């Protein structure tokens, strides 16, 4: 994860606390377990403390710090009154003092663990806070408001990453076509390695090599080619490429795309039929986002998933769509904002301006699996931008 310190803007945080209906926000961490708190408070992960700390931001008034005597300076970079504890009894008493008269506060908590991406506070700590009087609510929207939104500069970084990533696809398709036409053997790992070199040569970085999946391997959404276990790419086979990377610069954000091709001068009808269903679901998800923002209607992530999923289920292929529709994108491929999910979780966080996410439905069968992935960015004026290039048909790689 990126460890660039973020600016702490108390006024904006307090405005958001009020906007989302809380009396305050209690940020807590122990040994780096709550990376979301560290992000909001501008604490690099390698500087996570060895003792518990709490930082309470009320909707109005000065924040309150509760830190251990061994680490009294843990939150000195932040505004507010400091309280120091040594014993567990003093910790409880300090929390009780800080939270007196608070009715509803936000924490990195999700009722019934509905959203594990937000659930960073352990059950015991949640019990302790409740025992002191406040009702707990999820800080999910607060977290993404301050951690998942991009700056205008990051949007420009994404556009450049998108340009390079799309050119990497062109390079990969051409590599396959050239090898097949010349009679040379080409394997999944050959393509994967060449893409990684292409990224390095163009100032890009990624946490993991791309997915290059031929034939039945494409039916596994998380297939990973491994040395000695990858497959040869041959004429007459279906090929899926899922490739993600970002510019290797501070605050860089990802481009994450999936495109599909067939190693031939034409595409079999059965492949085209499945692709058209997947593409229809993808386009329904995009339309759901555009329609909501066009009229200023609040949109939750689960709605995008359902709009996409409905198309695939209505086509009789719903049982083969075995993952969420999309994920938030940021400095990590899978970011900390709202996901497009009504399968694994019911994502009730809002789709916010200045955030980016994927829409990537898939249908995974024994012979082949098809996924089509684009990225969506909502700008500050609520305009919806689709990046990655919308694939309209399966590429005939030798055509």
Foldseek 3Di string as FASTA:
>chain_A
DAQAFDDADLLVLLVVCVVVPFQKAKEKDALQLQVLSCNNLRHGNVRHDHDIKIWIRGSDDFIEIEEEPVCQCSNVVDTHHYDYDHDVVSVLVVLLVRCPPTAEYEYLPDVVCQDVLSHRDDPVVVVSNVVSPYHYDYCLQVSCVRFFFDDPVQVVQAQVQLVLVLVLVVVLLLVVLVCQVVVHWDWQVNSQVVSCVSQVVVQKDAPDTKDKAKWQQQLDVPRDDDVPRTGIDHAFIKIKIWDKIGHPDPFTWMFTWIAIAHAAQDDDPVVFVQVVLQLVLLVQLVVVLQVCLVVVHWDFLQVSQVSSLVSCVVVVQNVQFQATQKAWITNHRHDSHGTNDPDSHRGGHTDDARTKMKGWTKGRDRGHIDIGIWMWHQHPSRDIDITNDRDPGHHHSND
